[in-house]
All heavy atoms as atom14 arrays in JSON, in Angstrom:
{
  "sequence": "SDYEARRECLRYIELLEKLFPPVEGARYGISRNPHDF",
  "atom14_mask": [
    [1, 1, 1, 1, 1, 1, 0, 0, 0, 0, 0, 0, 0, 0],
    [1, 1, 1, 1, 1, 1, 1, 1, 0, 0, 0, 0, 0, 0],
    [1, 1, 1, 1, 1, 1, 1, 1, 1, 1, 1, 1, 0, 0],
    [1, 1, 1, 1, 1, 1, 1, 1, 1, 0, 0, 0, 0, 0],
    [1, 1, 1, 1, 1, 0, 0, 0, 0, 0, 0, 0, 0, 0],
    [1, 1, 1, 1, 1, 1, 1, 1, 1, 1, 1, 0, 0, 0],
    [1, 1, 1, 1, 1, 1, 1, 1, 1, 1, 1, 0, 0, 0],
    [1, 1, 1, 1, 1, 1, 1, 1, 1, 0, 0, 0, 0, 0],
    [1, 1, 1, 1, 1, 1, 0, 0, 0, 0, 0, 0, 0, 0],
    [1, 1, 1, 1, 1, 1, 1, 1, 0, 0, 0, 0, 0, 0],
    [1, 1, 1, 1, 1, 1, 1, 1, 1, 1, 1, 0, 0, 0],
    [1, 1, 1, 1, 1, 1, 1, 1, 1, 1, 1, 1, 0, 0],
    [1, 1, 1, 1, 1, 1, 1, 1, 0, 0, 0, 0, 0, 0],
    [1, 1, 1, 1, 1, 1, 1, 1, 1, 0, 0, 0, 0, 0],
    [1, 1, 1, 1, 1, 1, 1, 1, 0, 0, 0, 0, 0, 0],
    [1, 1, 1, 1, 1, 1, 1, 1, 0, 0, 0, 0, 0, 0],
    [1, 1, 1, 1, 1, 1, 1, 1, 1, 0, 0, 0, 0, 0],
    [1, 1, 1, 1, 1, 1, 1, 1, 1, 0, 0, 0, 0, 0],
    [1, 1, 1, 1, 1, 1, 1, 1, 0, 0, 0, 0, 0, 0],
    [1, 1, 1, 1, 1, 1, 1, 1, 1, 1, 1, 0, 0, 0],
    [1, 1, 1, 1, 1, 1, 1, 0, 0, 0, 0, 0, 0, 0],
    [1, 1, 1, 1, 1, 1, 1, 0, 0, 0, 0, 0, 0, 0],
    [1, 1, 1, 1, 1, 1, 1, 0, 0, 0, 0, 0, 0, 0],
    [1, 1, 1, 1, 1, 1, 1, 1, 1, 0, 0, 0, 0, 0],
    [1, 1, 1, 1, 0, 0, 0, 0, 0, 0, 0, 0, 0, 0],
    [1, 1, 1, 1, 1, 0, 0, 0, 0, 0, 0, 0, 0, 0],
    [1, 1, 1, 1, 1, 1, 1, 1, 1, 1, 1, 0, 0, 0],
    [1, 1, 1, 1, 1, 1, 1, 1, 1, 1, 1, 1, 0, 0],
    [1, 1, 1, 1, 0, 0, 0, 0, 0, 0, 0, 0, 0, 0],
    [1, 1, 1, 1, 1, 1, 1, 1, 0, 0, 0, 0, 0, 0],
    [1, 1, 1, 1, 1, 1, 0, 0, 0, 0, 0, 0, 0, 0],
    [1, 1, 1, 1, 1, 1, 1, 1, 1, 1, 1, 0, 0, 0],
    [1, 1, 1, 1, 1, 1, 1, 1, 0, 0, 0, 0, 0, 0],
    [1, 1, 1, 1, 1, 1, 1, 0, 0, 0, 0, 0, 0, 0],
    [1, 1, 1, 1, 1, 1, 1, 1, 1, 1, 0, 0, 0, 0],
    [1, 1, 1, 1, 1, 1, 1, 1, 0, 0, 0, 0, 0, 0],
    [1, 1, 1, 1, 1, 1, 1, 1, 1, 1, 1, 0, 0, 0]
  ],
  "atom14_positions": [
    [[-151.73, -28.37, -127.3], [-152.89, -28.14, -126.44], [-152.49, -27.2, -125.31], [-151.65, -27.53, -124.48], [-153.39, -29.46, -125.86], [-154.31, -29.22, -124.8], [0.0, 0.0, 0.0], [0.0, 0.0, 0.0], [0.0, 0.0, 0.0], [0.0, 0.0, 0.0], [0.0, 0.0, 0.0], [0.0, 0.0, 0.0], [0.0, 0.0, 0.0], [0.0, 0.0, 0.0]],
    [[-153.1, -26.04, -125.31], [-152.88, -25.05, -124.26], [-153.17, -25.68, -122.89], [-152.4, -25.51, -121.94], [-153.82, -23.87, -124.55], [-153.6, -22.7, -123.64], [-152.65, -21.95, -123.9], [-154.39, -22.54, -122.7], [0.0, 0.0, 0.0], [0.0, 0.0, 0.0], [0.0, 0.0, 0.0], [0.0, 0.0, 0.0], [0.0, 0.0, 0.0], [0.0, 0.0, 0.0]],
    [[-154.27, -26.41, -122.81], [-154.69, -27.06, -121.57], [-153.63, -28.07, -121.11], [-153.24, -28.08, -119.94], [-156.04, -27.75, -121.78], [-156.5, -28.57, -120.62], [-157.03, -27.97, -119.49], [-156.42, -29.96, -120.66], [-157.45, -28.73, -118.41], [-156.84, -30.73, -119.59], [-157.36, -30.11, -118.47], [-157.78, -30.86, -117.41], [0.0, 0.0, 0.0], [0.0, 0.0, 0.0]],
    [[-153.16, -28.92, -122.02], [-152.17, -29.93, -121.66], [-150.83, -29.3, -121.29], [-150.12, -29.8, -120.41], [-151.98, -30.94, -122.79], [-153.13, -31.9, -122.95], [-153.4, -32.73, -121.69], [-152.44, -33.15, -121.0], [-154.59, -32.95, -121.39], [0.0, 0.0, 0.0], [0.0, 0.0, 0.0], [0.0, 0.0, 0.0], [0.0, 0.0, 0.0], [0.0, 0.0, 0.0]],
    [[-150.48, -28.2, -121.93], [-149.23, -27.51, -121.6], [-149.27, -27.02, -120.15], [-148.29, -27.17, -119.41], [-149.0, -26.35, -122.55], [0.0, 0.0, 0.0], [0.0, 0.0, 0.0], [0.0, 0.0, 0.0], [0.0, 0.0, 0.0], [0.0, 0.0, 0.0], [0.0, 0.0, 0.0], [0.0, 0.0, 0.0], [0.0, 0.0, 0.0], [0.0, 0.0, 0.0]],
    [[-150.39, -26.47, -119.71], [-150.53, -26.02, -118.32], [-150.52, -27.21, -117.37], [-149.93, -27.14, -116.28], [-151.79, -25.18, -118.15], [-151.68, -23.81, -118.77], [-152.81, -22.87, -118.37], [-154.12, -23.45, -118.49], [-154.89, -23.39, -119.58], [-154.46, -22.74, -120.64], [-156.07, -23.94, -119.61], [0.0, 0.0, 0.0], [0.0, 0.0, 0.0], [0.0, 0.0, 0.0]],
    [[-151.17, -28.29, -117.77], [-151.18, -29.5, -116.92], [-149.77, -30.06, -116.73], [-149.43, -30.53, -115.64], [-152.1, -30.57, -117.5], [-153.57, -30.29, -117.25], [-154.47, -31.37, -117.84], [-153.96, -32.71, -117.66], [-154.4, -33.58, -116.74], [-155.37, -33.23, -115.94], [-153.88, -34.78, -116.66], [0.0, 0.0, 0.0], [0.0, 0.0, 0.0], [0.0, 0.0, 0.0]],
    [[-148.96, -30.03, -117.79], [-147.57, -30.48, -117.68], [-146.83, -29.66, -116.62], [-146.11, -30.2, -115.79], [-146.84, -30.35, -119.01], [-147.23, -31.37, -120.03], [-146.57, -31.16, -121.37], [-146.02, -30.05, -121.63], [-146.59, -32.1, -122.18], [0.0, 0.0, 0.0], [0.0, 0.0, 0.0], [0.0, 0.0, 0.0], [0.0, 0.0, 0.0], [0.0, 0.0, 0.0]],
    [[-147.03, -28.35, -116.67], [-146.39, -27.48, -115.7], [-146.85, -27.78, -114.27], [-146.05, -27.82, -113.34], [-146.64, -26.02, -116.04], [-145.78, -25.43, -117.5], [0.0, 0.0, 0.0], [0.0, 0.0, 0.0], [0.0, 0.0, 0.0], [0.0, 0.0, 0.0], [0.0, 0.0, 0.0], [0.0, 0.0, 0.0], [0.0, 0.0, 0.0], [0.0, 0.0, 0.0]],
    [[-148.15, -28.0, -114.1], [-148.68, -28.32, -112.77], [-148.09, -29.62, -112.24], [-147.75, -29.73, -111.05], [-150.2, -28.39, -112.8], [-150.92, -27.06, -112.97], [-152.42, -27.29, -113.21], [-150.69, -26.17, -111.76], [0.0, 0.0, 0.0], [0.0, 0.0, 0.0], [0.0, 0.0, 0.0], [0.0, 0.0, 0.0], [0.0, 0.0, 0.0], [0.0, 0.0, 0.0]],
    [[-147.96, -30.62, -113.1], [-147.35, -31.9, -112.68], [-145.89, -31.7, -112.3], [-145.4, -32.29, -111.33], [-147.51, -32.95, -113.76], [-148.94, -33.48, -113.87], [-149.05, -34.72, -114.74], [-148.56, -34.53, -116.08], [-149.29, -34.13, -117.13], [-150.58, -33.87, -116.95], [-148.77, -34.01, -118.32], [0.0, 0.0, 0.0], [0.0, 0.0, 0.0], [0.0, 0.0, 0.0]],
    [[-145.18, -30.86, -113.05], [-143.79, -30.58, -112.74], [-143.67, -29.88, -111.39], [-142.81, -30.22, -110.57], [-143.18, -29.73, -113.86], [-141.68, -29.59, -113.84], [-140.85, -30.48, -113.15], [-141.08, -28.56, -114.54], [-139.48, -30.34, -113.17], [-139.7, -28.41, -114.56], [-138.91, -29.3, -113.87], [-137.54, -29.15, -113.89], [0.0, 0.0, 0.0], [0.0, 0.0, 0.0]],
    [[-144.55, -28.93, -111.12], [-144.55, -28.25, -109.83], [-144.79, -29.24, -108.7], [-144.11, -29.21, -107.67], [-145.59, -27.1, -109.8], [-145.13, -25.96, -110.69], [-145.83, -26.62, -108.36], [-146.17, -24.88, -110.91], [0.0, 0.0, 0.0], [0.0, 0.0, 0.0], [0.0, 0.0, 0.0], [0.0, 0.0, 0.0], [0.0, 0.0, 0.0], [0.0, 0.0, 0.0]],
    [[-145.73, -30.16, -108.88], [-145.99, -31.19, -107.86], [-144.73, -32.0, -107.57], [-144.42, -32.28, -106.41], [-147.12, -32.11, -108.3], [-148.49, -31.48, -108.26], [-149.57, -32.4, -108.81], [-149.3, -33.6, -109.05], [-150.68, -31.92, -109.03], [0.0, 0.0, 0.0], [0.0, 0.0, 0.0], [0.0, 0.0, 0.0], [0.0, 0.0, 0.0], [0.0, 0.0, 0.0]],
    [[-144.02, -32.39, -108.62], [-142.78, -33.16, -108.46], [-141.73, -32.33, -107.71], [-141.1, -32.82, -106.77], [-142.25, -33.58, -109.82], [-140.87, -34.25, -109.83], [-140.92, -35.59, -109.12], [-140.37, -34.41, -111.26], [0.0, 0.0, 0.0], [0.0, 0.0, 0.0], [0.0, 0.0, 0.0], [0.0, 0.0, 0.0], [0.0, 0.0, 0.0], [0.0, 0.0, 0.0]],
    [[-141.54, -31.08, -108.14], [-140.55, -30.23, -107.49], [-140.86, -30.02, -106.01], [-139.96, -30.09, -105.16], [-140.47, -28.87, -108.2], [-139.84, -28.9, -109.59], [-140.11, -27.59, -110.32], [-138.35, -29.17, -109.5], [0.0, 0.0, 0.0], [0.0, 0.0, 0.0], [0.0, 0.0, 0.0], [0.0, 0.0, 0.0], [0.0, 0.0, 0.0], [0.0, 0.0, 0.0]],
    [[-142.13, -29.79, -105.69], [-142.51, -29.58, -104.29], [-142.34, -30.84, -103.45], [-142.05, -30.75, -102.26], [-143.95, -29.06, -104.2], [-144.06, -27.62, -104.66], [-145.48, -27.09, -104.63], [-146.44, -27.91, -104.67], [-145.64, -25.85, -104.59], [0.0, 0.0, 0.0], [0.0, 0.0, 0.0], [0.0, 0.0, 0.0], [0.0, 0.0, 0.0], [0.0, 0.0, 0.0]],
    [[-142.51, -31.99, -104.07], [-142.3, -33.25, -103.36], [-140.81, -33.46, -103.09], [-140.42, -33.86, -102.0], [-142.85, -34.42, -104.17], [-142.77, -35.75, -103.43], [-143.29, -36.88, -104.27], [-144.79, -36.83, -104.32], [-145.39, -37.98, -105.02], [0.0, 0.0, 0.0], [0.0, 0.0, 0.0], [0.0, 0.0, 0.0], [0.0, 0.0, 0.0], [0.0, 0.0, 0.0]],
    [[-139.97, -33.18, -104.09], [-138.53, -33.38, -103.94], [-137.87, -32.29, -103.11], [-136.91, -32.54, -102.38], [-137.86, -33.41, -105.32], [-138.21, -34.6, -106.21], [-137.64, -34.41, -107.61], [-137.68, -35.88, -105.59], [0.0, 0.0, 0.0], [0.0, 0.0, 0.0], [0.0, 0.0, 0.0], [0.0, 0.0, 0.0], [0.0, 0.0, 0.0], [0.0, 0.0, 0.0]],
    [[-138.38, -31.06, -103.24], [-137.8, -29.89, -102.57], [-138.9, -29.08, -101.91], [-139.4, -28.11, -102.49], [-137.06, -29.0, -103.59], [-136.12, -29.74, -104.48], [-136.46, -30.0, -105.8], [-134.89, -30.2, -104.01], [-135.6, -30.69, -106.64], [-134.02, -30.89, -104.84], [-134.38, -31.13, -106.16], [0.0, 0.0, 0.0], [0.0, 0.0, 0.0], [0.0, 0.0, 0.0]],
    [[-139.33, -29.47, -100.72], [-140.42, -28.75, -100.06], [-140.11, -27.25, -99.97], [-139.01, -26.86, -99.56], [-140.48, -29.38, -98.67], [-139.9, -30.76, -98.87], [-138.83, -30.59, -99.9], [0.0, 0.0, 0.0], [0.0, 0.0, 0.0], [0.0, 0.0, 0.0], [0.0, 0.0, 0.0], [0.0, 0.0, 0.0], [0.0, 0.0, 0.0], [0.0, 0.0, 0.0]],
    [[-141.04, -26.41, -100.39], [-140.81, -24.97, -100.41], [-140.54, -24.39, -99.03], [-140.98, -24.93, -98.02], [-142.11, -24.4, -100.98], [-142.74, -25.53, -101.7], [-142.34, -26.76, -100.96], [0.0, 0.0, 0.0], [0.0, 0.0, 0.0], [0.0, 0.0, 0.0], [0.0, 0.0, 0.0], [0.0, 0.0, 0.0], [0.0, 0.0, 0.0], [0.0, 0.0, 0.0]],
    [[-139.8, -23.3, -99.02], [-139.54, -22.55, -97.79], [-140.34, -21.25, -97.85], [-140.8, -20.84, -98.92], [-138.03, -22.25, -97.63], [-137.23, -23.54, -97.56], [-137.52, -21.35, -98.73], [0.0, 0.0, 0.0], [0.0, 0.0, 0.0], [0.0, 0.0, 0.0], [0.0, 0.0, 0.0], [0.0, 0.0, 0.0], [0.0, 0.0, 0.0], [0.0, 0.0, 0.0]],
    [[-140.46, -20.61, -96.71], [-141.17, -19.33, -96.67], [-140.45, -18.32, -97.56], [-139.22, -18.2, -97.53], [-141.22, -18.8, -95.24], [-142.04, -17.55, -95.1], [-142.19, -17.11, -93.66], [-142.13, -17.96, -92.76], [-142.36, -15.9, -93.46], [0.0, 0.0, 0.0], [0.0, 0.0, 0.0], [0.0, 0.0, 0.0], [0.0, 0.0, 0.0], [0.0, 0.0, 0.0]],
    [[-141.21, -17.62, -98.38], [-140.65, -16.61, -99.26], [-140.35, -17.11, -100.66], [-139.86, -16.36, -101.5], [0.0, 0.0, 0.0], [0.0, 0.0, 0.0], [0.0, 0.0, 0.0], [0.0, 0.0, 0.0], [0.0, 0.0, 0.0], [0.0, 0.0, 0.0], [0.0, 0.0, 0.0], [0.0, 0.0, 0.0], [0.0, 0.0, 0.0], [0.0, 0.0, 0.0]],
    [[-140.65, -18.39, -100.92], [-140.42, -18.95, -102.26], [-141.64, -19.78, -102.64], [-142.19, -20.5, -101.83], [-139.17, -19.82, -102.28], [0.0, 0.0, 0.0], [0.0, 0.0, 0.0], [0.0, 0.0, 0.0], [0.0, 0.0, 0.0], [0.0, 0.0, 0.0], [0.0, 0.0, 0.0], [0.0, 0.0, 0.0], [0.0, 0.0, 0.0], [0.0, 0.0, 0.0]],
    [[-142.06, -19.63, -103.9], [-143.19, -20.44, -104.37], [-143.07, -20.63, -105.88], [-142.52, -19.8, -106.59], [-144.52, -19.82, -104.02], [-144.79, -18.46, -104.63], [-146.2, -17.98, -104.29], [-146.49, -16.61, -104.55], [-146.34, -15.95, -105.7], [-145.85, -16.55, -106.74], [-146.67, -14.69, -105.81], [0.0, 0.0, 0.0], [0.0, 0.0, 0.0], [0.0, 0.0, 0.0]],
    [[-143.6, -21.75, -106.33], [-143.6, -22.05, -107.75], [-144.81, -21.43, -108.41], [-145.85, -21.24, -107.78], [-143.63, -23.57, -107.98], [-142.37, -24.25, -107.53], [-142.31, -24.9, -106.31], [-141.23, -24.24, -108.32], [-141.15, -25.53, -105.88], [-140.07, -24.85, -107.91], [-140.03, -25.49, -106.69], [-138.88, -26.1, -106.27], [0.0, 0.0, 0.0], [0.0, 0.0, 0.0]],
    [[-144.69, -21.13, -109.68], [-145.79, -20.59, -110.44], [-145.65, -21.0, -111.9], [-144.69, -21.67, -112.27], [0.0, 0.0, 0.0], [0.0, 0.0, 0.0], [0.0, 0.0, 0.0], [0.0, 0.0, 0.0], [0.0, 0.0, 0.0], [0.0, 0.0, 0.0], [0.0, 0.0, 0.0], [0.0, 0.0, 0.0], [0.0, 0.0, 0.0], [0.0, 0.0, 0.0]],
    [[-146.6, -20.58, -112.69], [-146.58, -20.87, -114.13], [-146.55, -19.53, -114.86], [-147.37, -18.66, -114.61], [-147.79, -21.7, -114.56], [-147.78, -23.05, -113.85], [-147.81, -21.88, -116.09], [-149.0, -23.9, -114.12], [0.0, 0.0, 0.0], [0.0, 0.0, 0.0], [0.0, 0.0, 0.0], [0.0, 0.0, 0.0], [0.0, 0.0, 0.0], [0.0, 0.0, 0.0]],
    [[-145.59, -19.41, -115.75], [-145.44, -18.2, -116.56], [-146.1, -18.42, -117.92], [-145.86, -19.44, -118.57], [-143.95, -17.91, -116.72], [-143.74, -16.86, -117.62], [0.0, 0.0, 0.0], [0.0, 0.0, 0.0], [0.0, 0.0, 0.0], [0.0, 0.0, 0.0], [0.0, 0.0, 0.0], [0.0, 0.0, 0.0], [0.0, 0.0, 0.0], [0.0, 0.0, 0.0]],
    [[-146.93, -17.48, -118.32], [-147.61, -17.51, -119.63], [-146.83, -16.59, -120.55], [-146.68, -15.4, -120.26], [-149.05, -17.04, -119.47], [-149.87, -17.08, -120.73], [-151.29, -16.56, -120.43], [-152.17, -16.79, -121.54], [-152.29, -15.99, -122.59], [-151.56, -14.9, -122.67], [-153.13, -16.28, -123.56], [0.0, 0.0, 0.0], [0.0, 0.0, 0.0], [0.0, 0.0, 0.0]],
    [[-146.31, -17.14, -121.65], [-145.41, -16.38, -122.52], [-145.91, -16.35, -123.96], [-146.17, -17.39, -124.55], [-144.03, -17.03, -122.5], [-143.5, -17.18, -121.09], [-143.19, -16.21, -120.45], [-143.45, -18.41, -120.6], [0.0, 0.0, 0.0], [0.0, 0.0, 0.0], [0.0, 0.0, 0.0], [0.0, 0.0, 0.0], [0.0, 0.0, 0.0], [0.0, 0.0, 0.0]],
    [[-146.01, -15.14, -124.53], [-146.42, -15.05, -125.94], [-145.28, -15.49, -126.87], [-144.11, -15.33, -126.54], [-146.73, -13.56, -126.12], [-145.9, -12.88, -125.09], [-145.78, -13.84, -123.94], [0.0, 0.0, 0.0], [0.0, 0.0, 0.0], [0.0, 0.0, 0.0], [0.0, 0.0, 0.0], [0.0, 0.0, 0.0], [0.0, 0.0, 0.0], [0.0, 0.0, 0.0]],
    [[-145.67, -16.04, -127.99], [-144.72, -16.49, -129.02], [-145.37, -16.24, -130.37], [-146.59, -16.15, -130.47], [-144.43, -17.98, -128.81], [-143.36, -18.52, -129.67], [-143.59, -18.91, -130.97], [-142.04, -18.75, -129.43], [-142.45, -19.36, -131.48], [-141.5, -19.27, -130.57], [0.0, 0.0, 0.0], [0.0, 0.0, 0.0], [0.0, 0.0, 0.0], [0.0, 0.0, 0.0]],
    [[-144.57, -16.16, -131.41], [-145.12, -15.96, -132.76], [-146.15, -17.02, -133.13], [-147.06, -16.77, -133.9], [-144.01, -15.95, -133.8], [-143.14, -14.71, -133.72], [-143.56, -13.74, -133.05], [-142.05, -14.72, -134.31], [0.0, 0.0, 0.0], [0.0, 0.0, 0.0], [0.0, 0.0, 0.0], [0.0, 0.0, 0.0], [0.0, 0.0, 0.0], [0.0, 0.0, 0.0]],
    [[-146.0, -18.23, -132.58], [-146.89, -19.34, -132.93], [-147.99, -19.58, -131.91], [-148.74, -20.54, -132.03], [-146.09, -20.62, -133.12], [-145.05, -20.52, -134.19], [-143.72, -20.7, -133.89], [-145.4, -20.22, -135.5], [-142.75, -20.59, -134.88], [-144.45, -20.12, -136.49], [-143.11, -20.3, -136.18], [0.0, 0.0, 0.0], [0.0, 0.0, 0.0], [0.0, 0.0, 0.0]]
  ]
}
């Protein structure tokens, strides 16, 4: 599920930001990558 894959990434970002609060000049994002499948 494309939708669920993005949601997994968003949840991971939330966890990372909670454990490691971002500093100025750094931010998390989601990379969309093509694959044969």
